[in-house]
Protein backbone atom coordinates (compact mmCIF):
# COMPACT_ATOMS: atom_id res chain seq x y z
CA MET A 1 10.82 -16.57 -3.64
CA THR A 2 7.49 -15.09 -5.80
CA PHE A 3 6.24 -14.29 -2.27
CA PHE A 4 9.00 -11.54 -1.03
CA ALA A 5 9.94 -10.52 -4.92
CA THR A 6 6.19 -9.76 -5.59
CA GLY A 7 6.20 -7.94 -1.62
CA PHE A 8 9.67 -6.12 -1.94
CA LEU A 9 8.36 -4.98 -5.78
CA THR A 10 4.93 -3.97 -4.36
CA VAL A 11 6.64 -1.75 -1.46
CA GLY A 12 9.07 0.01 -3.60
CA LEU A 13 6.94 0.97 -6.34
CA VAL A 14 3.89 2.00 -4.03
CA TYR A 15 6.69 4.50 -1.92
CA LEU A 16 7.48 5.64 -5.16
CA PHE A 17 4.68 6.57 -6.47
CA ASN A 18 3.51 8.16 -3.05
CA LYS A 19 6.55 10.06 -2.31
CA VAL A 20 8.05 11.24 -6.26
CA ILE A 21 4.47 11.23 -8.04
CA LEU A 22 2.24 11.94 -5.34
CA ALA A 23 4.17 14.90 -3.81
CA PRO A 24 3.12 17.28 -2.07
CA LEU A 25 0.64 15.07 -0.53
CA ASN A 26 -2.79 16.83 0.49
CA ASN A 27 -5.89 15.36 2.33
CA PHE A 28 -7.44 14.08 -1.24
CA ARG A 29 -4.24 12.29 -2.79
CA ILE A 30 -4.15 10.85 1.33
CA ILE A 31 -7.53 10.24 1.29
CA ALA A 32 -8.62 8.61 -2.30
CA ILE A 33 -5.66 8.01 -4.17
CA ILE A 34 -3.06 6.80 -2.40
CA PRO A 35 -5.41 4.07 -1.48
CA LEU A 36 -6.70 3.05 -4.53
CA VAL A 37 -2.67 2.82 -6.12
CA GLU A 38 -2.20 0.66 -2.30
CA GLU A 39 -5.15 -1.44 -3.31
CA SER A 40 -4.76 -1.52 -7.04
CA ALA A 41 -0.35 -2.96 -6.56
CA LYS A 42 -1.37 -5.23 -3.73
CA THR A 43 -3.90 -7.03 -5.16
CA LEU A 44 -2.37 -7.14 -9.40
CA PHE A 45 1.20 -7.30 -8.64
CA PRO A 46 0.92 -11.14 -7.08
CA LEU A 47 -2.05 -12.05 -9.59
CA PHE A 48 0.37 -11.30 -12.56
CA LEU A 49 3.33 -12.98 -10.71
CA GLY A 50 1.54 -16.08 -9.34
CA SER A 51 1.85 -15.10 -5.67
CA SER A 52 -0.45 -14.54 -2.64
CA VAL A 53 -2.96 -11.66 -2.91
CA LEU A 54 -3.63 -12.15 1.07
CA LEU A 55 0.22 -12.73 2.09
CA ASN A 56 1.07 -9.67 -0.41
CA HIS A 57 -1.26 -7.39 1.84
CA ALA A 58 0.13 -8.88 4.62
CA PHE A 59 3.93 -8.32 3.44
CA PHE A 60 2.77 -4.49 2.97
CA GLY A 61 1.04 -3.85 6.18
CA ALA A 62 3.98 -5.57 7.96
CA PHE A 63 6.44 -2.89 5.72
CA GLU A 64 3.92 -0.06 6.42
CA ALA A 65 3.75 -1.17 10.34
CA LEU A 66 7.81 -0.91 10.88
CA TYR A 67 8.07 2.06 8.60
CA ASP A 68 5.16 4.00 10.87
CA PHE A 69 7.09 2.52 14.24
CA TRP A 70 10.33 4.12 13.18
CA LEU A 71 8.90 7.23 11.84
CA SER A 72 7.24 7.77 15.31
CA GLY A 73 10.50 7.35 17.25
CA ARG A 74 9.63 3.60 18.04
CA ARG A 75 6.45 5.33 19.98
CA ASN A 76 3.08 4.35 18.88
CA SER A 77 3.10 0.81 18.40
CA LEU A 78 -0.63 1.27 18.32
CA LEU A 79 -0.12 3.04 14.88
CA ALA A 80 1.87 0.73 13.60
CA LEU A 81 -0.79 -2.60 15.02
CA GLY A 82 -3.45 -0.92 13.35
CA GLY A 83 -1.35 -0.01 10.14
CA PHE A 84 -0.52 -3.74 9.51
CA LEU A 85 -4.02 -5.40 10.66
CA GLY A 86 -5.74 -2.69 8.52
CA HIS A 87 -3.90 -3.87 5.63
CA PHE A 88 -4.72 -7.48 6.27
CA PHE A 89 -8.61 -6.38 6.41
CA PHE A 90 -8.26 -4.96 3.43
CA GLY A 91 -6.45 -7.78 1.58
CA TYR A 92 -9.32 -10.36 3.04
CA MET A 93 -12.10 -7.76 2.10
CA THR A 94 -10.34 -8.29 -1.15
CA LEU A 95 -10.57 -11.93 -1.89
CA VAL A 96 -14.56 -11.29 -0.45
CA GLY A 97 -14.87 -8.84 -3.93
CA PHE A 98 -13.17 -11.85 -5.68
CA LYS A 99 -15.17 -14.84 -4.20
CA LEU A 100 -18.54 -12.45 -4.60
CA PHE A 101 -17.95 -11.04 -8.19
CA ASP A 102 -15.24 -13.61 -9.26
CA TYR A 103 -13.62 -10.45 -10.97
CA SER A 104 -10.38 -8.83 -9.87
CA ILE A 105 -11.65 -5.16 -10.26
CA ALA A 106 -14.31 -6.32 -7.63
CA GLY A 107 -11.81 -7.12 -5.61
CA ILE A 108 -9.51 -4.55 -5.85
CA ILE A 109 -12.66 -2.42 -5.26
CA PHE A 110 -14.00 -3.86 -2.28
CA GLY A 111 -9.87 -3.69 -0.90
CA TYR A 112 -10.48 0.27 -1.48
CA LEU A 113 -13.42 1.78 0.04
CA PRO A 114 -12.18 0.27 3.46
CA HIS A 115 -8.73 1.51 3.21
CA LEU A 116 -10.56 5.22 1.43
CA VAL A 117 -12.53 5.14 5.42
CA TRP A 118 -9.46 4.28 7.34
CA ASN A 119 -7.33 7.09 5.50
CA PHE A 120 -10.59 9.83 6.05
CA ALA A 121 -11.15 8.46 9.56
CA THR A 122 -6.95 9.03 10.26
CA VAL A 123 -6.99 12.58 8.70
CA LYS A 124 -10.39 13.73 10.21
CA MET A 125 -8.80 12.34 13.69
CA GLY A 126 -5.60 13.80 12.96
CA GLU A 127 -7.27 17.40 12.65
CA TYR A 128 -8.32 17.09 16.45
């Protein structure tokens, strides 16, 4: 039960933060701020609530994939799959940071940096 509670808490609070606090969105917020908020939430909530960090990243990625799929009018399944796999990878990198440095902030940074690069690339691709 903790897994689902942590997952829904993460999804809900990140969505609220992105839509209300960061509105209106701009490239800087999309590239730099949103990944930091997401990686922090996807990592810290399960740590505090005793759930799996990797599964929380996967849960968030699945939710975001469904959201992207729905927003694209159910046309862009590759975007949705990329989002899911990306969040799973960010979760894996978070665990690598934990293992290497035995410190939660290092884990967040290890998840944040590839997320930042991913968002930068997707924003730049959208400009062409």
